[in-house]
Amino acid sequence: MSLIVELDDRTAAAVTELAANENRTASEVIRDAVAAYPGKRKGKLPRGVGKYSSAHTDTAQRVDEILSDAVKDGLWPLPPPGSAASIRRRQPSSSDAPDSPGAYHA
């Protein structure tokens, strides 16, 4: 697989220097760095990351629309716990499958 990555000048120079010093290609240096990265992470991922699936593949592209709808429906920002607004339930939209794991029902 081919992937184009844009690097700032400083990072590109560091990759080029490492590759030259180790007689390797820039791609090899970057592959090794990416492979080593998960072990270098500081701390855990935030709780809940990867726990839920909306079954939608376009969520990132539709974030503005989704948040705008949530604001209009009074679902975002989240109201204080116990308030009347926090108890109100959102009706599923036609795009929500009734029993899909990603159907959102606040």
PDB file of N, CA and C in Angstrom:
ATOM      1  N   MET A   1       0.854  -1.177   0.000  1.00  0.00           N
ATOM      2  CA  MET A   1       0.000   0.000   0.000  1.00  0.00           C
ATOM      3  C   MET A   1       0.891   1.228   0.000  1.00  0.00           C
ATOM      4  N   SER A   2       0.483   2.228  -0.700  1.00  0.00           N
ATOM      5  CA  SER A   2       1.230   3.471  -0.765  1.00  0.00           C
ATOM      6  C   SER A   2       0.450   4.544  -0.024  1.00  0.00           C
ATOM      7  N   LEU A   3       1.175   5.377   0.725  1.00  0.00           N
ATOM      8  CA  LEU A   3       0.553   6.442   1.494  1.00  0.00           C
ATOM      9  C   LEU A   3       1.443   7.664   1.407  1.00  0.00           C
ATOM     10  N   ILE A   4       0.854   8.806   1.099  1.00  0.00           N
ATOM     11  CA  ILE A   4       1.617  10.046   1.022  1.00  0.00           C
ATOM     12  C   ILE A   4       1.476  10.770   2.354  1.00  0.00           C
ATOM     13  N   VAL A   5       2.603  11.138   2.943  1.00  0.00           N
ATOM     14  CA  VAL A   5       2.617  11.819   4.230  1.00  0.00           C
ATOM     15  C   VAL A   5       3.369  13.127   4.070  1.00  0.00           C
ATOM     16  N   GLU A   6       2.792  14.221   4.562  1.00  0.00           N
ATOM     17  CA  GLU A   6       3.476  15.505   4.531  1.00  0.00           C
ATOM     18  C   GLU A   6       4.168  15.727   5.867  1.00  0.00           C
ATOM     19  N   LEU A   7       5.458  16.048   5.819  1.00  0.00           N
ATOM     20  CA  LEU A   7       6.245  16.289   7.020  1.00  0.00           C
ATOM     21  C   LEU A   7       6.754  17.727   6.999  1.00  0.00           C
ATOM     22  N   ASP A   8       6.890  18.316   8.182  1.00  0.00           N
ATOM     23  CA  ASP A   8       7.515  19.636   8.227  1.00  0.00           C
ATOM     24  C   ASP A   8       8.996  19.459   7.905  1.00  0.00           C
ATOM     25  N   ASP A   9       9.684  20.553   7.603  1.00  0.00           N
ATOM     26  CA  ASP A   9      11.085  20.475   7.171  1.00  0.00           C
ATOM     27  C   ASP A   9      11.981  19.808   8.207  1.00  0.00           C
ATOM     28  N   ARG A  10      11.776  20.116   9.462  1.00  0.00           N
ATOM     29  CA  ARG A  10      12.618  19.559  10.521  1.00  0.00           C
ATOM     30  C   ARG A  10      12.463  18.036  10.607  1.00  0.00           C
ATOM     31  N   THR A  11      11.204  17.556  10.566  1.00  0.00           N
ATOM     32  CA  THR A  11      10.952  16.118  10.649  1.00  0.00           C
ATOM     33  C   THR A  11      11.477  15.410   9.407  1.00  0.00           C
ATOM     34  N   ALA A  12      11.272  16.010   8.238  1.00  0.00           N
ATOM     35  CA  ALA A  12      11.763  15.407   6.995  1.00  0.00           C
ATOM     36  C   ALA A  12      13.287  15.293   7.019  1.00  0.00           C
ATOM     37  N   ALA A  13      13.961  16.313   7.542  1.00  0.00           N
ATOM     38  CA  ALA A  13      15.421  16.275   7.635  1.00  0.00           C
ATOM     39  C   ALA A  13      15.869  15.172   8.594  1.00  0.00           C
ATOM     40  N   ALA A  14      15.149  15.014   9.696  1.00  0.00           N
ATOM     41  CA  ALA A  14      15.497  13.965  10.668  1.00  0.00           C
ATOM     42  C   ALA A  14      15.322  12.581  10.047  1.00  0.00           C
ATOM     43  N   VAL A  15      14.241  12.369   9.314  1.00  0.00           N
ATOM     44  CA  VAL A  15      14.004  11.073   8.661  1.00  0.00           C
ATOM     45  C   VAL A  15      15.088  10.813   7.622  1.00  0.00           C
ATOM     46  N   THR A  16      15.398  11.822   6.830  1.00  0.00           N
ATOM     47  CA  THR A  16      16.427  11.679   5.802  1.00  0.00           C
ATOM     48  C   THR A  16      17.781  11.355   6.420  1.00  0.00           C
ATOM     49  N   GLU A  17      18.128  12.055   7.517  1.00  0.00           N
ATOM     50  CA  GLU A  17      19.405  11.807   8.196  1.00  0.00           C
ATOM     51  C   GLU A  17      19.459  10.396   8.787  1.00  0.00           C
ATOM     52  N   LEU A  18      18.384   9.980   9.443  1.00  0.00           N
ATOM     53  CA  LEU A  18      18.349   8.620   9.999  1.00  0.00           C
ATOM     54  C   LEU A  18      18.505   7.577   8.898  1.00  0.00           C
ATOM     55  N   ALA A  19      17.786   7.776   7.817  1.00  0.00           N
ATOM     56  CA  ALA A  19      17.852   6.818   6.710  1.00  0.00           C
ATOM     57  C   ALA A  19      19.269   6.739   6.157  1.00  0.00           C
ATOM     58  N   ALA A  20      19.925   7.879   5.974  1.00  0.00           N
ATOM     59  CA  ALA A  20      21.293   7.890   5.434  1.00  0.00           C
ATOM     60  C   ALA A  20      22.270   7.238   6.414  1.00  0.00           C
ATOM     61  N   ASN A  21      22.147   7.575   7.694  1.00  0.00           N
ATOM     62  CA  ASN A  21      23.057   7.027   8.706  1.00  0.00           C
ATOM     63  C   ASN A  21      22.914   5.516   8.861  1.00  0.00           C
ATOM     64  N   GLU A  22      21.713   5.005   8.632  1.00  0.00           N
ATOM     65  CA  GLU A  22      21.462   3.574   8.818  1.00  0.00           C
ATOM     66  C   GLU A  22      21.410   2.811   7.496  1.00  0.00           C
ATOM     67  N   ASN A  23      21.721   3.533   6.403  1.00  0.00           N
ATOM     68  CA  ASN A  23      21.700   2.935   5.068  1.00  0.00           C
ATOM     69  C   ASN A  23      20.360   2.245   4.785  1.00  0.00           C
ATOM     70  N   ARG A  24      19.295   2.992   5.069  1.00  0.00           N
ATOM     71  CA  ARG A  24      17.927   2.495   4.864  1.00  0.00           C
ATOM     72  C   ARG A  24      17.145   3.547   4.090  1.00  0.00           C
ATOM     73  N   THR A  25      15.965   3.163   3.649  1.00  0.00           N
ATOM     74  CA  THR A  25      15.104   4.136   2.975  1.00  0.00           C
ATOM     75  C   THR A  25      14.301   4.913   4.014  1.00  0.00           C
ATOM     76  N   ALA A  26      13.796   6.081   3.595  1.00  0.00           N
ATOM     77  CA  ALA A  26      12.935   6.875   4.471  1.00  0.00           C
ATOM     78  C   ALA A  26      11.687   6.079   4.839  1.00  0.00           C
ATOM     79  N   SER A  27      11.169   5.301   3.903  1.00  0.00           N
ATOM     80  CA  SER A  27       9.981   4.483   4.177  1.00  0.00           C
ATOM     81  C   SER A  27      10.239   3.479   5.288  1.00  0.00           C
ATOM     82  N   GLU A  28      11.412   2.868   5.293  1.00  0.00           N
ATOM     83  CA  GLU A  28      11.753   1.897   6.346  1.00  0.00           C
ATOM     84  C   GLU A  28      11.836   2.579   7.710  1.00  0.00           C
ATOM     85  N   VAL A  29      12.456   3.763   7.732  1.00  0.00           N
ATOM     86  CA  VAL A  29      12.570   4.506   8.991  1.00  0.00           C
ATOM     87  C   VAL A  29      11.183   4.856   9.519  1.00  0.00           C
ATOM     88  N   ILE A  30      10.316   5.337   8.648  1.00  0.00           N
ATOM     89  CA  ILE A  30       8.964   5.725   9.071  1.00  0.00           C
ATOM     90  C   ILE A  30       8.160   4.500   9.502  1.00  0.00           C
ATOM     91  N   ARG A  31       8.266   3.387   8.758  1.00  0.00           N
ATOM     92  CA  ARG A  31       7.558   2.164   9.154  1.00  0.00           C
ATOM     93  C   ARG A  31       7.970   1.719  10.548  1.00  0.00           C
ATOM     94  N   ASP A  32       9.276   1.732  10.819  1.00  0.00           N
ATOM     95  CA  ASP A  32       9.759   1.324  12.144  1.00  0.00           C
ATOM     96  C   ASP A  32       9.257   2.271  13.236  1.00  0.00           C
ATOM     97  N   ALA A  33       9.247   3.560  12.938  1.00  0.00           N
ATOM     98  CA  ALA A  33       8.775   4.542  13.928  1.00  0.00           C
ATOM     99  C   ALA A  33       7.293   4.345  14.228  1.00  0.00           C
ATOM    100  N   VAL A  34       6.504   4.110  13.212  1.00  0.00           N
ATOM    101  CA  VAL A  34       5.067   3.895  13.409  1.00  0.00           C
ATOM    102  C   VAL A  34       4.827   2.589  14.161  1.00  0.00           C
ATOM    103  N   ALA A  35       5.580   1.552  13.835  1.00  0.00           N
ATOM    104  CA  ALA A  35       5.422   0.270  14.528  1.00  0.00           C
ATOM    105  C   ALA A  35       5.777   0.389  16.007  1.00  0.00           C
ATOM    106  N   ALA A  36       6.751   1.235  16.347  1.00  0.00           N
ATOM    107  CA  ALA A  36       7.181   1.395  17.734  1.00  0.00           C
ATOM    108  C   ALA A  36       6.295   2.352  18.519  1.00  0.00           C
ATOM    109  N   TYR A  37       5.524   3.163  17.842  1.00  0.00           N
ATOM    110  CA  TYR A  37       4.745   4.221  18.501  1.00  0.00           C
ATOM    111  C   TYR A  37       3.777   3.738  19.578  1.00  0.00           C
ATOM    112  N   PRO A  38       2.988   2.687  19.376  1.00  0.00           N
ATOM    113  CA  PRO A  38       2.024   2.301  20.422  1.00  0.00           C
ATOM    114  C   PRO A  38       2.673   2.034  21.777  1.00  0.00           C
ATOM    115  N   GLY A  39       3.872   1.502  21.804  1.00  0.00           N
ATOM    116  CA  GLY A  39       4.565   1.250  23.056  1.00  0.00           C
ATOM    117  C   GLY A  39       5.085   2.520  23.715  1.00  0.00           C
ATOM    118  N   LYS A  40       5.146   3.604  22.977  1.00  0.00           N
ATOM    119  CA  LYS A  40       5.670   4.872  23.487  1.00  0.00           C
ATOM    120  C   LYS A  40       4.575   5.804  23.995  1.00  0.00           C
ATOM    121  N   ARG A  41       3.308   5.435  23.774  1.00  0.00           N
ATOM    122  CA  ARG A  41       2.192   6.297  24.187  1.00  0.00           C
ATOM    123  C   ARG A  41       2.238   6.522  25.683  1.00  0.00           C
ATOM    124  N   LYS A  42       1.941   7.704  26.082  1.00  0.00           N
ATOM    125  CA  LYS A  42       1.875   8.021  27.507  1.00  0.00           C
ATOM    126  C   LYS A  42       0.420   7.899  27.942  1.00  0.00           C
ATOM    127  N   GLY A  43       0.176   7.060  28.902  1.00  0.00           N
ATOM    128  CA  GLY A  43      -1.169   6.914  29.432  1.00  0.00           C
ATOM    129  C   GLY A  43      -2.069   6.087  28.542  1.00  0.00           C
ATOM    130  N   LYS A  44      -3.229   5.849  29.054  1.00  0.00           N
ATOM    131  CA  LYS A  44      -4.218   5.062  28.332  1.00  0.00           C
ATOM    132  C   LYS A  44      -5.090   5.973  27.483  1.00  0.00           C
ATOM    133  N   LEU A  45      -5.802   5.364  26.560  1.00  0.00           N
ATOM    134  CA  LEU A  45      -6.797   6.105  25.797  1.00  0.00           C
ATOM    135  C   LEU A  45      -7.926   6.493  26.743  1.00  0.00           C
ATOM    136  N   PRO A  46      -8.634   7.579  26.445  1.00  0.00           N
ATOM    137  CA  PRO A  46      -9.755   7.957  27.308  1.00  0.00           C
ATOM    138  C   PRO A  46     -10.778   6.832  27.413  1.00  0.00           C
ATOM    139  N   ARG A  47     -11.410   6.743  28.564  1.00  0.00           N
ATOM    140  CA  ARG A  47     -12.421   5.716  28.792  1.00  0.00           C
ATOM    141  C   ARG A  47     -13.504   5.807  27.730  1.00  0.00           C
ATOM    142  N   GLY A  48     -13.907   4.682  27.196  1.00  0.00           N
ATOM    143  CA  GLY A  48     -14.979   4.641  26.218  1.00  0.00           C
ATOM    144  C   GLY A  48     -14.512   4.662  24.775  1.00  0.00           C
ATOM    145  N   VAL A  49     -13.239   5.001  24.519  1.00  0.00           N
ATOM    146  CA  VAL A  49     -12.748   5.025  23.148  1.00  0.00           C
ATOM    147  C   VAL A  49     -12.802   3.619  22.581  1.00  0.00           C
ATOM    148  N   GLY A  50     -13.463   3.470  21.458  1.00  0.00           N
ATOM    149  CA  GLY A  50     -13.594   2.176  20.811  1.00  0.00           C
ATOM    150  C   GLY A  50     -14.686   1.295  21.381  1.00  0.00           C
ATOM    151  N   LYS A  51     -15.394   1.778  22.400  1.00  0.00           N
ATOM    152  CA  LYS A  51     -16.403   0.964  23.059  1.00  0.00           C
ATOM    153  C   LYS A  51     -17.727   0.946  22.289  1.00  0.00           C
ATOM    154  N   TYR A  52     -18.020   2.031  21.595  1.00  0.00           N
ATOM    155  CA  TYR A  52     -19.309   2.154  20.922  1.00  0.00           C
ATOM    156  C   TYR A  52     -19.128   2.218  19.417  1.00  0.00           C
ATOM    157  N   SER A  53     -20.098   1.701  18.719  1.00  0.00           N
ATOM    158  CA  SER A  53     -20.089   1.765  17.263  1.00  0.00           C
ATOM    159  C   SER A  53     -21.424   2.305  16.799  1.00  0.00           C
ATOM    160  N   SER A  54     -21.364   3.319  15.965  1.00  0.00           N
ATOM    161  CA  SER A  54     -22.613   3.890  15.458  1.00  0.00           C
ATOM    162  C   SER A  54     -23.087   3.146  14.216  1.00  0.00           C
ATOM    163  N   ALA A  55     -22.235   2.297  13.678  1.00  0.00           N
ATOM    164  CA  ALA A  55     -22.512   1.577  12.439  1.00  0.00           C
ATOM    165  C   ALA A  55     -22.578   2.533  11.248  1.00  0.00           C
ATOM    166  N   HIS A  56     -22.192   3.780  11.461  1.00  0.00           N
ATOM    167  CA  HIS A  56     -22.120   4.760  10.376  1.00  0.00           C
ATOM    168  C   HIS A  56     -20.659   4.946  10.012  1.00  0.00           C
ATOM    169  N   THR A  57     -20.376   5.038   8.726  1.00  0.00           N
ATOM    170  CA  THR A  57     -18.989   5.204   8.301  1.00  0.00           C
ATOM    171  C   THR A  57     -18.663   6.648   7.932  1.00  0.00           C
ATOM    172  N   ASP A  58     -19.643   7.545   8.033  1.00  0.00           N
ATOM    173  CA  ASP A  58     -19.416   8.926   7.614  1.00  0.00           C
ATOM    174  C   ASP A  58     -19.542   9.929   8.762  1.00  0.00           C
ATOM    175  N   THR A  59     -19.419   9.461   9.989  1.00  0.00           N
ATOM    176  CA  THR A  59     -19.604  10.327  11.150  1.00  0.00           C
ATOM    177  C   THR A  59     -18.624  11.498  11.139  1.00  0.00           C
ATOM    178  N   ALA A  60     -17.359  11.243  10.871  1.00  0.00           N
ATOM    179  CA  ALA A  60     -16.362  12.316  10.875  1.00  0.00           C
ATOM    180  C   ALA A  60     -16.680  13.364   9.813  1.00  0.00           C
ATOM    181  N   GLN A  61     -17.149  12.940   8.661  1.00  0.00           N
ATOM    182  CA  GLN A  61     -17.477  13.883   7.595  1.00  0.00           C
ATOM    183  C   GLN A  61     -18.739  14.677   7.925  1.00  0.00           C
ATOM    184  N   ARG A  62     -19.623  14.111   8.754  1.00  0.00           N
ATOM    185  CA  ARG A  62     -20.908  14.751   9.060  1.00  0.00           C
ATOM    186  C   ARG A  62     -20.941  15.403  10.438  1.00  0.00           C
ATOM    187  N   VAL A  63     -19.775  15.593  11.079  1.00  0.00           N
ATOM    188  CA  VAL A  63     -19.750  16.064  12.459  1.00  0.00           C
ATOM    189  C   VAL A  63     -20.509  17.381  12.640  1.00  0.00           C
ATOM    190  N   ASP A  64     -20.360  18.325  11.714  1.00  0.00           N
ATOM    191  CA  ASP A  64     -21.059  19.605  11.857  1.00  0.00           C
ATOM    192  C   ASP A  64     -22.573  19.419  11.819  1.00  0.00           C
ATOM    193  N   GLU A  65     -23.041  18.597  10.906  1.00  0.00           N
ATOM    194  CA  GLU A  65     -24.479  18.318  10.793  1.00  0.00           C
ATOM    195  C   GLU A  65     -24.993  17.612  12.052  1.00  0.00           C
ATOM    196  N   ILE A  66     -24.244  16.639  12.532  1.00  0.00           N
ATOM    197  CA  ILE A  66     -24.657  15.867  13.708  1.00  0.00           C
ATOM    198  C   ILE A  66     -24.736  16.754  14.944  1.00  0.00           C
ATOM    199  N   LEU A  67     -23.705  17.568  15.155  1.00  0.00           N
ATOM    200  CA  LEU A  67     -23.720  18.462  16.315  1.00  0.00           C
ATOM    201  C   LEU A  67     -24.804  19.524  16.190  1.00  0.00           C
ATOM    202  N   SER A  68     -25.004  20.052  14.992  1.00  0.00           N
ATOM    203  CA  SER A  68     -26.051  21.044  14.778  1.00  0.00           C
ATOM    204  C   SER A  68     -27.422  20.459  15.118  1.00  0.00           C
ATOM    205  N   ASP A  69     -27.679  19.243  14.669  1.00  0.00           N
ATOM    206  CA  ASP A  69     -28.945  18.582  14.990  1.00  0.00           C
ATOM    207  C   ASP A  69     -29.084  18.350  16.494  1.00  0.00           C
ATOM    208  N   ALA A  70     -27.994  17.971  17.148  1.00  0.00           N
ATOM    209  CA  ALA A  70     -28.028  17.730  18.595  1.00  0.00           C
ATOM    210  C   ALA A  70     -28.341  19.016  19.349  1.00  0.00           C
ATOM    211  N   VAL A  71     -27.784  20.139  18.892  1.00  0.00           N
ATOM    212  CA  VAL A  71     -28.068  21.434  19.528  1.00  0.00           C
ATOM    213  C   VAL A  71     -29.545  21.783  19.334  1.00  0.00           C
ATOM    214  N   LYS A  72     -30.045  21.634  18.104  1.00  0.00           N
ATOM    215  CA  LYS A  72     -31.456  21.931  17.821  1.00  0.00           C
ATOM    216  C   LYS A  72     -32.392  21.077  18.656  1.00  0.00           C
ATOM    217  N   ASP A  73     -32.001  19.812  18.889  1.00  0.00           N
ATOM    218  CA  ASP A  73     -32.835  18.885  19.661  1.00  0.00           C
ATOM    219  C   ASP A  73     -32.638  19.047  21.169  1.00  0.00           C
ATOM    220  N   GLY A  74     -31.748  19.965  21.568  1.00  0.00           N
ATOM    221  CA  GLY A  74     -31.499  20.178  22.988  1.00  0.00           C
ATOM    222  C   GLY A  74     -30.685  19.067  23.629  1.00  0.00           C
ATOM    223  N   LEU A  75     -29.953  18.319  22.812  1.00  0.00           N
ATOM    224  CA  LEU A  75     -29.167  17.203  23.329  1.00  0.00           C
ATOM    225  C   LEU A  75     -27.699  17.552  23.547  1.00  0.00           C
ATOM    226  N   TRP A  76     -27.293  18.739  23.071  1.00  0.00           N
ATOM    227  CA  TRP A  76     -25.899  19.135  23.210  1.00  0.00           C
ATOM    228  C   TRP A  76     -25.815  20.634  23.287  1.00  0.00           C
ATOM    229  N   PRO A  77     -25.027  21.245  24.143  1.00  0.00           N
ATOM    230  CA  PRO A  77     -24.221  20.543  25.119  1.00  0.00           C
ATOM    231  C   PRO A  77     -25.104  19.841  26.131  1.00  0.00           C
ATOM    232  N   LEU A  78     -24.537  18.876  26.795  1.00  0.00           N
ATOM    233  CA  LEU A  78     -25.324  18.079  27.717  1.00  0.00           C
ATOM    234  C   LEU A  78     -25.865  18.952  28.850  1.00  0.00           C
ATOM    235  N   PRO A  79     -27.149  18.826  29.138  1.00  0.00           N
ATOM    236  CA  PRO A  79     -27.730  19.578  30.248  1.00  0.00           C
ATOM    237  C   PRO A  79     -27.275  18.985  31.580  1.00  0.00           C
ATOM    238  N   PRO A  80     -27.398  19.731  32.666  1.00  0.00           N
ATOM    239  CA  PRO A  80     -26.999  19.186  33.973  1.00  0.00           C
ATOM    240  C   PRO A  80     -27.800  17.928  34.303  1.00  0.00           C
ATOM    241  N   PRO A  81     -27.164  16.945  34.936  1.00  0.00           N
ATOM    242  CA  PRO A  81     -27.874  15.709  35.298  1.00  0.00           C
ATOM    243  C   PRO A  81     -29.103  16.021  36.146  1.00  0.00           C
ATOM    244  N   GLY A  82     -30.189  15.314  35.869  1.00  0.00           N
ATOM    245  CA  GLY A  82     -31.418  15.477  36.638  1.00  0.00           C
ATOM    246  C   GLY A  82     -32.324  16.589  36.155  1.00  0.00           C
ATOM    247  N   SER A  83     -31.835  17.446  35.240  1.00  0.00           N
ATOM    248  CA  SER A  83     -32.692  18.521  34.744  1.00  0.00           C
ATOM    249  C   SER A  83     -33.729  17.928  33.792  1.00  0.00           C
ATOM    250  N   ALA A  84     -34.792  18.681  33.570  1.00  0.00           N
ATOM    251  CA  ALA A  84     -35.855  18.192  32.684  1.00  0.00           C
ATOM    252  C   ALA A  84     -35.299  17.887  31.301  1.00  0.00           C
ATOM    253  N   ALA A  85     -34.354  18.718  30.832  1.00  0.00           N
ATOM    254  CA  ALA A  85     -33.781  18.506  29.508  1.00  0.00           C
ATOM    255  C   ALA A  85     -32.963  17.229  29.448  1.00  0.00           C
ATOM    256  N   SER A  86     -32.324  16.844  30.553  1.00  0.00           N
ATOM    257  CA  SER A  86     -31.504  15.631  30.528  1.00  0.00           C
ATOM    258  C   SER A  86     -32.367  14.379  30.509  1.00  0.00           C
ATOM    259  N   ILE A  87     -33.609  14.519  30.917  1.00  0.00           N
ATOM    260  CA  ILE A  87     -34.505  13.364  30.975  1.00  0.00           C
ATOM    261  C   ILE A  87     -35.233  13.166  29.646  1.00  0.00           C
ATOM    262  N   ARG A  88     -35.384  14.256  28.860  1.00  0.00           N
ATOM    263  CA  ARG A  88     -36.073  14.176  27.569  1.00  0.00           C
ATOM    264  C   ARG A  88     -35.375  13.173  26.663  1.00  0.00           C
ATOM    265  N   ARG A  89     -36.091  12.413  25.919  1.00  0.00           N
ATOM    266  CA  ARG A  89     -35.528  11.385  25.046  1.00  0.00           C
ATOM    267  C   ARG A  89     -35.623  11.817  23.596  1.00  0.00           C
ATOM    268  N   ARG A  90     -34.579  11.509  22.843  1.00  0.00           N
ATOM    269  CA  ARG A  90     -34.575  11.784  21.406  1.00  0.00           C
ATOM    270  C   ARG A  90     -35.294  10.658  20.691  1.00  0.00           C
ATOM    271  N   GLN A  91     -36.166  11.008  19.778  1.00  0.00           N
ATOM    272  CA  GLN A  91     -36.835  10.005  18.970  1.00  0.00           C
ATOM    273  C   GLN A  91     -35.879   9.559  17.869  1.00  0.00           C
ATOM    274  N   PRO A  92     -35.810   8.267  17.586  1.00  0.00           N
ATOM    275  CA  PRO A  92     -34.904   7.799  16.532  1.00  0.00           C
ATOM    276  C   PRO A  92     -35.278   8.407  15.195  1.00  0.00           C
ATOM    277  N   SER A  93     -34.265   8.735  14.399  1.00  0.00           N
ATOM    278  CA  SER A  93     -34.531   9.268  13.068  1.00  0.00           C
ATOM    279  C   SER A  93     -34.687   8.105  12.106  1.00  0.00           C
ATOM    280  N   SER A  94     -35.102   8.411  10.889  1.00  0.00           N
ATOM    281  CA  SER A  94     -35.303   7.353   9.896  1.00  0.00           C
ATOM    282  C   SER A  94     -33.993   6.666   9.543  1.00  0.00           C
ATOM    283  N   SER A  95     -32.838   7.336   9.805  1.00  0.00           N
ATOM    284  CA  SER A  95     -31.556   6.703   9.486  1.00  0.00           C
ATOM    285  C   SER A  95     -31.095   5.755  10.584  1.00  0.00           C
ATOM    286  N   ASP A  96     -31.748   5.789  11.747  1.00  0.00           N
ATOM    287  CA  ASP A  96     -31.381   4.883  12.832  1.00  0.00           C
ATOM    288  C   ASP A  96     -32.110   3.556  12.651  1.00  0.00           C
ATOM    289  N   ALA A  97     -31.352   2.487  12.605  1.00  0.00           N
ATOM    290  CA  ALA A  97     -31.975   1.171  12.585  1.00  0.00           C
ATOM    291  C   ALA A  97     -32.495   0.916  13.992  1.00  0.00           C
ATOM    292  N   PRO A  98     -33.727   0.400  14.148  1.00  0.00           N
ATOM    293  CA  PRO A  98     -34.323   0.290  15.469  1.00  0.00           C
ATOM    294  C   PRO A  98     -33.507  -0.502  16.474  1.00  0.00           C
ATOM    295  N   ASP A  99     -32.858  -1.557  16.064  1.00  0.00           N
ATOM    296  CA  ASP A  99     -32.110  -2.376  17.015  1.00  0.00           C
ATOM    297  C   ASP A  99     -30.635  -2.431  16.701  1.00  0.00           C
ATOM    298  N   SER A 100     -30.149  -1.488  15.895  1.00  0.00           N
ATOM    299  CA  SER A 100     -28.722  -1.528  15.553  1.00  0.00           C
ATOM    300  C   SER A 100     -27.915  -1.113  16.770  1.00  0.00           C
ATOM    301  N   PRO A 101     -26.688  -1.641  16.881  1.00  0.00           N
ATOM    302  CA  PRO A 101     -25.860  -1.315  18.042  1.00  0.00           C
ATOM    303  C   PRO A 101     -25.528   0.176  18.104  1.00  0.00           C
ATOM    304  N   GLY A 102     -25.621   0.859  16.960  1.00  0.00           N
ATOM    305  CA  GLY A 102     -25.261   2.264  16.948  1.00  0.00           C
ATOM    306  C   GLY A 102     -26.443   3.206  17.050  1.00  0.00           C
ATOM    307  N   ALA A 103     -27.660   2.686  17.133  1.00  0.00           N
ATOM    308  CA  ALA A 103     -28.824   3.577  17.222  1.00  0.00           C
ATOM    309  C   ALA A 103     -28.698   4.399  18.488  1.00  0.00           C
ATOM    310  N   TYR A 104     -28.800   5.703  18.357  1.00  0.00           N
ATOM    311  CA  TYR A 104     -28.554   6.609  19.478  1.00  0.00           C
ATOM    312  C   TYR A 104     -29.870   6.967  20.134  1.00  0.00           C
ATOM    313  N   HIS A 105     -29.964   6.659  21.379  1.00  0.00           N
ATOM    314  CA  HIS A 105     -31.133   7.030  22.170  1.00  0.00           C
ATOM    315  C   HIS A 105     -30.621   7.577  23.479  1.00  0.00           C
ATOM    316  N   ALA A 106     -30.633   8.911  23.598  1.00  0.00           N
ATOM    317  CA  ALA A 106     -30.080   9.546  24.800  1.00  0.00           C
ATOM    318  C   ALA A 106     -30.988   9.291  25.988  1.00  0.00           C
TER     319      ALA A 106
END
